[in-house]
PDB file of all heavy atoms in Angstrom:
ATOM      1  N   ASP A   1      36.957 143.593  45.856  1.00  0.00           N
ATOM      2  CA  ASP A   1      35.557 143.294  46.003  1.00  0.00           C
ATOM      3  C   ASP A   1      35.167 143.376  47.436  1.00  0.00           C
ATOM      4  O   ASP A   1      36.003 143.097  48.318  1.00  0.00           O
ATOM      5  CB  ASP A   1      35.172 141.846  45.440  1.00  0.00           C
ATOM      6  CG  ASP A   1      35.609 140.721  46.328  1.00  0.00           C
ATOM      7  OD1 ASP A   1      34.994 140.501  47.372  1.00  0.00           O
ATOM      8  OD2 ASP A   1      36.522 139.946  45.988  1.00  0.00           O
ATOM      9  N   ILE A   2      33.958 143.854  47.720  1.00  0.00           N
ATOM     10  CA  ILE A   2      33.418 144.109  49.034  1.00  0.00           C
ATOM     11  C   ILE A   2      32.065 143.434  49.106  1.00  0.00           C
ATOM     12  O   ILE A   2      31.185 143.596  48.263  1.00  0.00           O
ATOM     13  CB  ILE A   2      33.145 145.667  49.233  1.00  0.00           C
ATOM     14  CG1 ILE A   2      34.455 146.469  48.838  1.00  0.00           C
ATOM     15  CG2 ILE A   2      32.667 145.974  50.560  1.00  0.00           C
ATOM     16  CD1 ILE A   2      34.344 147.236  47.543  1.00  0.00           C
ATOM     17  N   ALA A   3      32.056 142.499  50.189  1.00  0.00           N
ATOM     18  CA  ALA A   3      30.923 141.581  50.236  1.00  0.00           C
ATOM     19  C   ALA A   3      30.490 141.264  51.646  1.00  0.00           C
ATOM     20  O   ALA A   3      31.432 140.930  52.452  1.00  0.00           O
ATOM     21  CB  ALA A   3      31.041 140.342  49.446  1.00  0.00           C
ATOM     22  N   THR A   4      29.335 141.223  52.007  1.00  0.00           N
ATOM     23  CA  THR A   4      28.752 140.660  53.289  1.00  0.00           C
ATOM     24  C   THR A   4      28.677 139.142  52.980  1.00  0.00           C
ATOM     25  O   THR A   4      27.606 138.582  52.719  1.00  0.00           O
ATOM     26  CB  THR A   4      27.375 141.215  53.639  1.00  0.00           C
ATOM     27  OG1 THR A   4      26.539 141.189  52.538  1.00  0.00           O
ATOM     28  CG2 THR A   4      27.513 142.617  54.171  1.00  0.00           C
ATOM     29  N   LEU A   5      29.860 138.494  53.080  1.00  0.00           N
ATOM     30  CA  LEU A   5      29.920 137.174  52.478  1.00  0.00           C
ATOM     31  C   LEU A   5      29.658 136.015  53.469  1.00  0.00           C
ATOM     32  O   LEU A   5      28.906 135.075  53.144  1.00  0.00           O
ATOM     33  CB  LEU A   5      31.176 136.960  51.767  1.00  0.00           C
ATOM     34  CG  LEU A   5      31.214 136.012  50.542  1.00  0.00           C
ATOM     35  CD1 LEU A   5      30.340 136.678  49.417  1.00  0.00           C
ATOM     36  CD2 LEU A   5      32.565 135.687  49.982  1.00  0.00           C
ATOM     37  N   THR A   6      30.256 136.079  54.705  1.00  0.00           N
ATOM     38  CA  THR A   6      30.154 134.861  55.470  1.00  0.00           C
ATOM     39  C   THR A   6      29.887 135.135  57.001  1.00  0.00           C
ATOM     40  O   THR A   6      30.499 136.081  57.567  1.00  0.00           O
ATOM     41  CB  THR A   6      31.477 134.033  55.459  1.00  0.00           C
ATOM     42  OG1 THR A   6      32.578 134.725  56.042  1.00  0.00           O
ATOM     43  CG2 THR A   6      31.885 133.599  53.985  1.00  0.00           C
ATOM     44  N   GLY A   7      29.103 134.348  57.606  1.00  0.00           N
ATOM     45  CA  GLY A   7      28.948 134.415  59.024  1.00  0.00           C
ATOM     46  C   GLY A   7      30.274 134.034  59.720  1.00  0.00           C
ATOM     47  O   GLY A   7      30.536 134.569  60.882  1.00  0.00           O
ATOM     48  N   ALA A   8      31.143 133.246  59.056  1.00  0.00           N
ATOM     49  CA  ALA A   8      32.359 132.909  59.665  1.00  0.00           C
ATOM     50  C   ALA A   8      33.278 134.105  59.905  1.00  0.00           C
ATOM     51  O   ALA A   8      34.138 134.086  60.862  1.00  0.00           O
ATOM     52  CB  ALA A   8      33.081 131.883  58.776  1.00  0.00           C
ATOM     53  N   ALA A   9      33.174 135.178  59.014  1.00  0.00           N
ATOM     54  CA  ALA A   9      33.993 136.403  59.287  1.00  0.00           C
ATOM     55  C   ALA A   9      33.632 137.026  60.631  1.00  0.00           C
ATOM     56  O   ALA A   9      34.473 137.659  61.318  1.00  0.00           O
ATOM     57  CB  ALA A   9      33.885 137.339  58.124  1.00  0.00           C
ATOM     58  N   ILE A  10      32.303 136.927  60.928  1.00  0.00           N
ATOM     59  CA  ILE A  10      31.776 137.539  62.259  1.00  0.00           C
ATOM     60  C   ILE A  10      32.371 136.639  63.402  1.00  0.00           C
ATOM     61  O   ILE A  10      32.810 137.231  64.421  1.00  0.00           O
ATOM     62  CB  ILE A  10      30.327 137.588  62.227  1.00  0.00           C
ATOM     63  CG1 ILE A  10      29.809 138.403  61.013  1.00  0.00           C
ATOM     64  CG2 ILE A  10      29.809 138.215  63.527  1.00  0.00           C
ATOM     65  CD1 ILE A  10      28.319 138.460  60.941  1.00  0.00           C
ATOM     66  N   THR A  11      32.372 135.301  63.249  1.00  0.00           N
ATOM     67  CA  THR A  11      32.803 134.422  64.252  1.00  0.00           C
ATOM     68  C   THR A  11      34.303 134.718  64.559  1.00  0.00           C
ATOM     69  O   THR A  11      34.730 134.713  65.666  1.00  0.00           O
ATOM     70  CB  THR A  11      32.664 132.931  63.775  1.00  0.00           C
ATOM     71  OG1 THR A  11      31.254 132.704  63.528  1.00  0.00           O
ATOM     72  CG2 THR A  11      33.104 132.032  64.843  1.00  0.00           C
ATOM     73  N   ALA A  12      35.106 135.029  63.498  1.00  0.00           N
ATOM     74  CA  ALA A  12      36.526 135.265  63.705  1.00  0.00           C
ATOM     75  C   ALA A  12      36.798 136.645  64.202  1.00  0.00           C
ATOM     76  O   ALA A  12      37.713 136.754  65.058  1.00  0.00           O
ATOM     77  CB  ALA A  12      37.200 135.083  62.307  1.00  0.00           C
ATOM     78  N   LEU A  13      36.101 137.624  63.750  1.00  0.00           N
ATOM     79  CA  LEU A  13      36.581 138.989  64.028  1.00  0.00           C
ATOM     80  C   LEU A  13      35.456 139.882  64.695  1.00  0.00           C
ATOM     81  O   LEU A  13      35.724 141.073  65.030  1.00  0.00           O
ATOM     82  CB  LEU A  13      36.962 139.691  62.697  1.00  0.00           C
ATOM     83  CG  LEU A  13      38.207 139.138  62.027  1.00  0.00           C
ATOM     84  CD1 LEU A  13      38.366 139.698  60.641  1.00  0.00           C
ATOM     85  CD2 LEU A  13      39.476 139.332  62.903  1.00  0.00           C
ATOM     86  N   GLY A  14      34.254 139.309  64.887  1.00  0.00           N
ATOM     87  CA  GLY A  14      33.213 140.128  65.457  1.00  0.00           C
ATOM     88  C   GLY A  14      32.736 141.175  64.576  1.00  0.00           C
ATOM     89  O   GLY A  14      32.803 141.090  63.324  1.00  0.00           O
ATOM     90  N   HIS A  15      32.337 142.386  65.115  1.00  0.00           N
ATOM     91  CA  HIS A  15      31.775 143.441  64.373  1.00  0.00           C
ATOM     92  C   HIS A  15      32.723 144.733  64.338  1.00  0.00           C
ATOM     93  O   HIS A  15      32.267 145.759  63.990  1.00  0.00           O
ATOM     94  CB  HIS A  15      30.436 143.866  65.026  1.00  0.00           C
ATOM     95  CG  HIS A  15      29.449 142.788  64.923  1.00  0.00           C
ATOM     96  ND1 HIS A  15      28.680 142.534  63.775  1.00  0.00           N
ATOM     97  CD2 HIS A  15      28.962 141.825  65.758  1.00  0.00           C
ATOM     98  CE1 HIS A  15      27.835 141.535  63.927  1.00  0.00           C
ATOM     99  NE2 HIS A  15      28.037 141.105  65.112  1.00  0.00           N
ATOM    100  N   HIS A  16      33.915 144.469  64.637  1.00  0.00           N
ATOM    101  CA  HIS A  16      34.888 145.653  64.561  1.00  0.00           C
ATOM    102  C   HIS A  16      35.787 145.664  63.430  1.00  0.00           C
ATOM    103  O   HIS A  16      36.427 146.752  63.149  1.00  0.00           O
ATOM    104  CB  HIS A  16      35.755 145.597  65.904  1.00  0.00           C
ATOM    105  CG  HIS A  16      34.880 145.573  67.204  1.00  0.00           C
ATOM    106  ND1 HIS A  16      34.087 146.671  67.486  1.00  0.00           N
ATOM    107  CD2 HIS A  16      34.637 144.674  68.081  1.00  0.00           C
ATOM    108  CE1 HIS A  16      33.412 146.402  68.658  1.00  0.00           C
ATOM    109  NE2 HIS A  16      33.762 145.207  69.043  1.00  0.00           N
ATOM    110  N   THR A  17      36.062 144.499  62.738  1.00  0.00           N
ATOM    111  CA  THR A  17      37.091 144.429  61.707  1.00  0.00           C
ATOM    112  C   THR A  17      36.553 143.626  60.526  1.00  0.00           C
ATOM    113  O   THR A  17      35.908 142.604  60.734  1.00  0.00           O
ATOM    114  CB  THR A  17      38.340 143.733  62.286  1.00  0.00           C
ATOM    115  OG1 THR A  17      38.658 144.345  63.576  1.00  0.00           O
ATOM    116  CG2 THR A  17      39.527 143.889  61.387  1.00  0.00           C
ATOM    117  N   SER A  18      36.930 144.127  59.361  1.00  0.00           N
ATOM    118  CA  SER A  18      36.674 143.329  58.121  1.00  0.00           C
ATOM    119  C   SER A  18      37.738 142.356  57.806  1.00  0.00           C
ATOM    120  O   SER A  18      38.945 142.596  58.080  1.00  0.00           O
ATOM    121  CB  SER A  18      36.447 144.205  56.856  1.00  0.00           C
ATOM    122  OG  SER A  18      35.447 145.206  57.127  1.00  0.00           O
ATOM    123  N   ALA A  19      37.342 141.181  57.312  1.00  0.00           N
ATOM    124  CA  ALA A  19      38.326 140.123  56.862  1.00  0.00           C
ATOM    125  C   ALA A  19      38.830 140.445  55.511  1.00  0.00           C
ATOM    126  O   ALA A  19      38.115 140.788  54.651  1.00  0.00           O
ATOM    127  CB  ALA A  19      37.668 138.757  56.943  1.00  0.00           C
ATOM    128  N   LEU A  20      40.222 140.355  55.389  1.00  0.00           N
ATOM    129  CA  LEU A  20      40.877 140.705  54.171  1.00  0.00           C
ATOM    130  C   LEU A  20      41.699 139.560  53.524  1.00  0.00           C
ATOM    131  O   LEU A  20      42.281 138.837  54.300  1.00  0.00           O
ATOM    132  CB  LEU A  20      41.835 141.873  54.387  1.00  0.00           C
ATOM    133  CG  LEU A  20      42.885 142.240  53.281  1.00  0.00           C
ATOM    134  CD1 LEU A  20      42.171 142.749  52.083  1.00  0.00           C
ATOM    135  CD2 LEU A  20      43.866 143.255  53.780  1.00  0.00           C
ATOM    136  N   PHE A  21      41.341 139.306  52.275  1.00  0.00           N
ATOM    137  CA  PHE A  21      42.016 138.211  51.513  1.00  0.00           C
ATOM    138  C   PHE A  21      42.620 138.907  50.301  1.00  0.00           C
ATOM    139  O   PHE A  21      41.989 139.574  49.623  1.00  0.00           O
ATOM    140  CB  PHE A  21      41.027 137.108  51.124  1.00  0.00           C
ATOM    141  CG  PHE A  21      40.355 136.442  52.303  1.00  0.00           C
ATOM    142  CD1 PHE A  21      39.233 137.084  52.865  1.00  0.00           C
ATOM    143  CD2 PHE A  21      40.801 135.329  52.829  1.00  0.00           C
ATOM    144  CE1 PHE A  21      38.659 136.530  54.019  1.00  0.00           C
ATOM    145  CE2 PHE A  21      40.233 134.754  53.904  1.00  0.00           C
ATOM    146  CZ  PHE A  21      39.112 135.332  54.526  1.00  0.00           C
ATOM    147  N   CYS A  22      43.892 138.528  50.022  1.00  0.00           N
ATOM    148  CA  CYS A  22      44.558 139.356  48.981  1.00  0.00           C
ATOM    149  C   CYS A  22      45.680 138.468  48.371  1.00  0.00           C
ATOM    150  O   CYS A  22      46.344 137.632  49.041  1.00  0.00           O
ATOM    151  CB  CYS A  22      45.193 140.616  49.599  1.00  0.00           C
ATOM    152  SG  CYS A  22      45.626 141.850  48.383  1.00  0.00           S
ATOM    153  N   ASN A  23      45.917 138.675  47.069  1.00  0.00           N
ATOM    154  CA  ASN A  23      46.988 137.929  46.350  1.00  0.00           C
ATOM    155  C   ASN A  23      48.206 138.941  46.083  1.00  0.00           C
ATOM    156  O   ASN A  23      49.162 138.486  45.393  1.00  0.00           O
ATOM    157  CB  ASN A  23      46.506 137.360  45.056  1.00  0.00           C
ATOM    158  CG  ASN A  23      46.065 138.394  44.056  1.00  0.00           C
ATOM    159  OD1 ASN A  23      46.185 139.641  44.324  1.00  0.00           O
ATOM    160  ND2 ASN A  23      45.574 138.001  42.860  1.00  0.00           N
ATOM    161  N   SER A  24      48.198 140.131  46.662  1.00  0.00           N
ATOM    162  CA  SER A  24      49.264 141.156  46.440  1.00  0.00           C
ATOM    163  C   SER A  24      49.657 141.744  47.756  1.00  0.00           C
ATOM    164  O   SER A  24      48.848 142.434  48.405  1.00  0.00           O
ATOM    165  CB  SER A  24      48.759 142.240  45.502  1.00  0.00           C
ATOM    166  OG  SER A  24      49.547 143.337  45.553  1.00  0.00           O
ATOM    167  N   PRO A  25      50.892 141.504  48.250  1.00  0.00           N
ATOM    168  CA  PRO A  25      51.323 142.082  49.467  1.00  0.00           C
ATOM    169  C   PRO A  25      51.248 143.671  49.481  1.00  0.00           C
ATOM    170  O   PRO A  25      50.828 144.223  50.535  1.00  0.00           O
ATOM    171  CB  PRO A  25      52.799 141.664  49.617  1.00  0.00           C
ATOM    172  CG  PRO A  25      52.849 140.371  48.798  1.00  0.00           C
ATOM    173  CD  PRO A  25      51.897 140.580  47.734  1.00  0.00           C
ATOM    174  N   SER A  26      51.552 144.300  48.376  1.00  0.00           N
ATOM    175  CA  SER A  26      51.496 145.770  48.351  1.00  0.00           C
ATOM    176  C   SER A  26      50.007 146.261  48.514  1.00  0.00           C
ATOM    177  O   SER A  26      49.767 147.270  49.196  1.00  0.00           O
ATOM    178  CB  SER A  26      52.163 146.371  47.110  1.00  0.00           C
ATOM    179  OG  SER A  26      51.512 145.829  45.958  1.00  0.00           O
ATOM    180  N   LEU A  27      49.120 145.629  47.822  1.00  0.00           N
ATOM    181  CA  LEU A  27      47.673 145.985  47.959  1.00  0.00           C
ATOM    182  C   LEU A  27      47.138 145.719  49.380  1.00  0.00           C
ATOM    183  O   LEU A  27      46.499 146.544  49.974  1.00  0.00           O
ATOM    184  CB  LEU A  27      46.858 145.211  46.922  1.00  0.00           C
ATOM    185  CG  LEU A  27      45.350 145.448  46.888  1.00  0.00           C
ATOM    186  CD1 LEU A  27      45.040 146.895  46.739  1.00  0.00           C
ATOM    187  CD2 LEU A  27      44.734 144.605  45.902  1.00  0.00           C
ATOM    188  N   GLU A  28      47.585 144.566  49.879  1.00  0.00           N
ATOM    189  CA  GLU A  28      47.148 144.157  51.291  1.00  0.00           C
ATOM    190  C   GLU A  28      47.637 145.269  52.260  1.00  0.00           C
ATOM    191  O   GLU A  28      46.946 145.780  53.086  1.00  0.00           O
ATOM    192  CB  GLU A  28      47.747 142.864  51.588  1.00  0.00           C
ATOM    193  CG  GLU A  28      47.361 142.371  53.042  1.00  0.00           C
ATOM    194  CD  GLU A  28      47.968 140.998  53.342  1.00  0.00           C
ATOM    195  OE1 GLU A  28      47.478 139.956  52.743  1.00  0.00           O
ATOM    196  OE2 GLU A  28      49.021 140.905  54.058  1.00  0.00           O
ATOM    197  N   ASN A  29      48.895 145.727  52.208  1.00  0.00           N
ATOM    198  CA  ASN A  29      49.388 146.722  53.037  1.00  0.00           C
ATOM    199  C   ASN A  29      48.775 148.050  52.905  1.00  0.00           C
ATOM    200  O   ASN A  29      48.460 148.721  53.873  1.00  0.00           O
ATOM    201  CB  ASN A  29      50.956 146.993  52.821  1.00  0.00           C
ATOM    202  CG  ASN A  29      51.684 145.655  53.374  1.00  0.00           C
ATOM    203  OD1 ASN A  29      51.280 145.021  54.241  1.00  0.00           O
ATOM    204  ND2 ASN A  29      52.882 145.428  52.750  1.00  0.00           N
ATOM    205  N   ALA A  30      48.434 148.358  51.629  1.00  0.00           N
ATOM    206  CA  ALA A  30      47.779 149.667  51.396  1.00  0.00           C
ATOM    207  C   ALA A  30      46.382 149.697  51.922  1.00  0.00           C
ATOM    208  O   ALA A  30      45.874 150.691  52.595  1.00  0.00           O
ATOM    209  CB  ALA A  30      47.675 149.880  49.921  1.00  0.00           C
ATOM    210  N   LEU A  31      45.672 148.596  51.839  1.00  0.00           N
ATOM    211  CA  LEU A  31      44.329 148.578  52.424  1.00  0.00           C
ATOM    212  C   LEU A  31      44.286 148.520  53.998  1.00  0.00           C
ATOM    213  O   LEU A  31      43.429 149.136  54.633  1.00  0.00           O
ATOM    214  CB  LEU A  31      43.572 147.277  51.880  1.00  0.00           C
ATOM    215  CG  LEU A  31      43.113 147.359  50.451  1.00  0.00           C
ATOM    216  CD1 LEU A  31      42.631 145.954  49.943  1.00  0.00           C
ATOM    217  CD2 LEU A  31      41.889 148.346  50.351  1.00  0.00           C
ATOM    218  N   MET A  32      45.287 147.876  54.519  1.00  0.00           N
ATOM    219  CA  MET A  32      45.394 147.819  56.009  1.00  0.00           C
ATOM    220  C   MET A  32      45.779 149.298  56.522  1.00  0.00           C
ATOM    221  O   MET A  32      45.152 149.784  57.483  1.00  0.00           O
ATOM    222  CB  MET A  32      46.439 146.817  56.449  1.00  0.00           C
ATOM    223  CG  MET A  32      45.942 145.380  56.257  1.00  0.00           C
ATOM    224  SD  MET A  32      47.052 144.243  56.952  1.00  0.00           S
ATOM    225  CE  MET A  32      46.883 144.469  58.700  1.00  0.00           C
ATOM    226  N   GLN A  33      46.697 149.987  55.793  1.00  0.00           N
ATOM    227  CA  GLN A  33      47.001 151.351  56.150  1.00  0.00           C
ATOM    228  C   GLN A  33      45.745 152.261  56.089  1.00  0.00           C
ATOM    229  O   GLN A  33      45.506 153.075  56.961  1.00  0.00           O
ATOM    230  CB  GLN A  33      48.123 151.893  55.363  1.00  0.00           C
ATOM    231  CG  GLN A  33      49.556 151.194  55.735  1.00  0.00           C
ATOM    232  CD  GLN A  33      50.614 151.764  54.836  1.00  0.00           C
ATOM    233  OE1 GLN A  33      50.502 152.791  54.180  1.00  0.00           O
ATOM    234  NE2 GLN A  33      51.735 150.997  54.731  1.00  0.00           N
ATOM    235  N   ALA A  34      45.015 152.182  54.999  1.00  0.00           N
ATOM    236  CA  ALA A  34      43.896 152.884  54.700  1.00  0.00           C
ATOM    237  C   ALA A  34      42.839 152.679  55.829  1.00  0.00           C
ATOM    238  O   ALA A  34      42.157 153.644  56.285  1.00  0.00           O
ATOM    239  CB  ALA A  34      43.321 152.664  53.326  1.00  0.00           C
ATOM    240  N   GLY A  35      42.680 151.447  56.263  1.00  0.00           N
ATOM    241  CA  GLY A  35      41.761 151.030  57.237  1.00  0.00           C
ATOM    242  C   GLY A  35      42.041 151.668  58.555  1.00  0.00           C
ATOM    243  O   GLY A  35      41.207 152.132  59.345  1.00  0.00           O
ATOM    244  N   ASP A  36      43.344 151.714  58.900  1.00  0.00           N
ATOM    245  CA  ASP A  36      43.834 152.305  60.172  1.00  0.00           C
ATOM    246  C   ASP A  36      43.539 153.807  60.191  1.00  0.00           C
ATOM    247  O   ASP A  36      42.972 154.368  61.121  1.00  0.00           O
ATOM    248  CB  ASP A  36      45.287 152.157  60.320  1.00  0.00           C
ATOM    249  CG  ASP A  36      45.575 150.687  60.751  1.00  0.00           C
ATOM    250  OD1 ASP A  36      44.640 149.955  61.272  1.00  0.00           O
ATOM    251  OD2 ASP A  36      46.822 150.186  60.597  1.00  0.00           O
ATOM    252  N   ILE A  37      43.853 154.526  59.011  1.00  0.00           N
ATOM    253  CA  ILE A  37      43.602 155.945  58.964  1.00  0.00           C
ATOM    254  C   ILE A  37      42.109 156.229  59.066  1.00  0.00           C
ATOM    255  O   ILE A  37      41.724 157.178  59.805  1.00  0.00           O
ATOM    256  CB  ILE A  37      44.142 156.430  57.651  1.00  0.00           C
ATOM    257  CG1 ILE A  37      45.688 156.397  57.619  1.00  0.00           C
ATOM    258  CG2 ILE A  37      43.686 157.886  57.348  1.00  0.00           C
ATOM    259  CD1 ILE A  37      46.299 156.505  56.221  1.00  0.00           C
ATOM    260  N   ALA A  38      41.254 155.446  58.486  1.00  0.00           N
ATOM    261  CA  ALA A  38      39.870 155.770  58.391  1.00  0.00           C
ATOM    262  C   ALA A  38      39.087 155.122  59.580  1.00  0.00           C
ATOM    263  O   ALA A  38      37.851 155.312  59.729  1.00  0.00           O
ATOM    264  CB  ALA A  38      39.205 155.171  57.101  1.00  0.00           C
ATOM    265  N   ASN A  39      39.836 154.464  60.490  1.00  0.00           N
ATOM    266  CA  ASN A  39      39.215 153.763  61.576  1.00  0.00           C
ATOM    267  C   ASN A  39      38.125 152.718  61.068  1.00  0.00           C
ATOM    268  O   ASN A  39      36.990 152.586  61.594  1.00  0.00           O
ATOM    269  CB  ASN A  39      38.546 154.645  62.653  1.00  0.00           C
ATOM    270  CG  ASN A  39      38.294 153.944  63.988  1.00  0.00           C
ATOM    271  OD1 ASN A  39      38.938 153.041  64.316  1.00  0.00           O
ATOM    272  ND2 ASN A  39      37.247 154.468  64.634  1.00  0.00           N
ATOM    273  N   ASP A  40      38.445 152.086  59.988  1.00  0.00           N
ATOM    274  CA  ASP A  40      37.583 151.045  59.350  1.00  0.00           C
ATOM    275  C   ASP A  40      38.481 149.911  59.001  1.00  0.00           C
ATOM    276  O   ASP A  40      38.803 149.662  57.817  1.00  0.00           O
ATOM    277  CB  ASP A  40      36.839 151.616  58.146  1.00  0.00           C
ATOM    278  CG  ASP A  40      35.860 150.701  57.497  1.00  0.00           C
ATOM    279  OD1 ASP A  40      35.570 149.638  58.142  1.00  0.00           O
ATOM    280  OD2 ASP A  40      35.351 151.038  56.386  1.00  0.00           O
ATOM    281  N   ARG A  41      38.824 149.197  60.011  1.00  0.00           N
ATOM    282  CA  ARG A  41      40.078 148.308  59.891  1.00  0.00           C
ATOM    283  C   ARG A  41      39.712 147.004  59.278  1.00  0.00           C
ATOM    284  O   ARG A  41      38.632 146.543  59.314  1.00  0.00           O
ATOM    285  CB  ARG A  41      40.681 148.138  61.276  1.00  0.00           C
ATOM    286  CG  ARG A  41      41.412 149.411  61.819  1.00  0.00           C
ATOM    287  CD  ARG A  41      41.984 149.254  63.146  1.00  0.00           C
ATOM    288  NE  ARG A  41      40.889 149.056  64.158  1.00  0.00           N
ATOM    289  CZ  ARG A  41      41.163 149.000  65.481  1.00  0.00           C
ATOM    290  NH1 ARG A  41      42.389 149.083  65.961  1.00  0.00           N
ATOM    291  NH2 ARG A  41      40.120 148.889  66.298  1.00  0.00           N
ATOM    292  N   CYS A  42      40.740 146.393  58.654  1.00  0.00           N
ATOM    293  CA  CYS A  42      40.658 145.017  58.094  1.00  0.00           C
ATOM    294  C   CYS A  42      41.875 144.209  58.595  1.00  0.00           C
ATOM    295  O   CYS A  42      42.875 144.755  59.012  1.00  0.00           O
ATOM    296  CB  CYS A  42      40.610 145.092  56.576  1.00  0.00           C
ATOM    297  SG  CYS A  42      41.904 146.024  55.752  1.00  0.00           S
ATOM    298  N   TRP A  43      41.712 142.950  58.555  1.00  0.00           N
ATOM    299  CA  TRP A  43      42.733 141.997  59.088  1.00  0.00           C
ATOM    300  C   TRP A  43      42.970 140.888  58.124  1.00  0.00           C
ATOM    301  O   TRP A  43      42.024 140.242  57.638  1.00  0.00           O
ATOM    302  CB  TRP A  43      42.389 141.408  60.430  1.00  0.00           C
ATOM    303  CG  TRP A  43      43.533 140.794  61.096  1.00  0.00           C
ATOM    304  CD1 TRP A  43      43.656 139.417  61.308  1.00  0.00           C
ATOM    305  CD2 TRP A  43      44.670 141.396  61.746  1.00  0.00           C
ATOM    306  NE1 TRP A  43      44.855 139.165  61.946  1.00  0.00           N
ATOM    307  CE2 TRP A  43      45.483 140.371  62.214  1.00  0.00           C
ATOM    308  CE3 TRP A  43      45.045 142.694  61.876  1.00  0.00           C
ATOM    309  CZ2 TRP A  43      46.615 140.588  62.885  1.00  0.00           C
ATOM    310  CZ3 TRP A  43      46.284 142.989  62.585  1.00  0.00           C
ATOM    311  CH2 TRP A  43      47.067 141.938  63.004  1.00  0.00           C
ATOM    312  N   PRO A  44      44.264 140.601  57.622  1.00  0.00           N
ATOM    313  CA  PRO A  44      44.495 139.661  56.692  1.00  0.00           C
ATOM    314  C   PRO A  44      44.412 138.131  57.069  1.00  0.00           C
ATOM    315  O   PRO A  44      44.691 137.797  58.246  1.00  0.00           O
ATOM    316  CB  PRO A  44      45.926 139.926  56.273  1.00  0.00           C
ATOM    317  CG  PRO A  44      46.548 140.450  57.498  1.00  0.00           C
ATOM    318  CD  PRO A  44      45.426 141.232  58.208  1.00  0.00           C
ATOM    319  N   PHE A  45      43.872 137.325  56.136  1.00  0.00           N
ATOM    320  CA  PHE A  45      43.786 135.911  56.373  1.00  0.00           C
ATOM    321  C   PHE A  45      44.436 135.228  55.245  1.00  0.00           C
ATOM    322  O   PHE A  45      44.698 135.815  54.183  1.00  0.00           O
ATOM    323  CB  PHE A  45      42.239 135.582  56.293  1.00  0.00           C
ATOM    324  CG  PHE A  45      41.468 135.702  57.590  1.00  0.00           C
ATOM    325  CD1 PHE A  45      41.133 137.055  57.986  1.00  0.00           C
ATOM    326  CD2 PHE A  45      41.131 134.770  58.392  1.00  0.00           C
ATOM    327  CE1 PHE A  45      40.531 137.326  59.100  1.00  0.00           C
ATOM    328  CE2 PHE A  45      40.430 134.987  59.582  1.00  0.00           C
ATOM    329  CZ  PHE A  45      40.174 136.258  59.883  1.00  0.00           C
TER     330      PHE A  45
END
């Protein structure tokens, strides 16, 4: 799911990185790798 959900995500990461929440380590790693390749990065919480 993709959502402009919380101002707190901006407080934590500013406007450069999306906050990532995940229940699957393999999915989390895949999204972080995809974000690095696309220069659209995410960071796990």
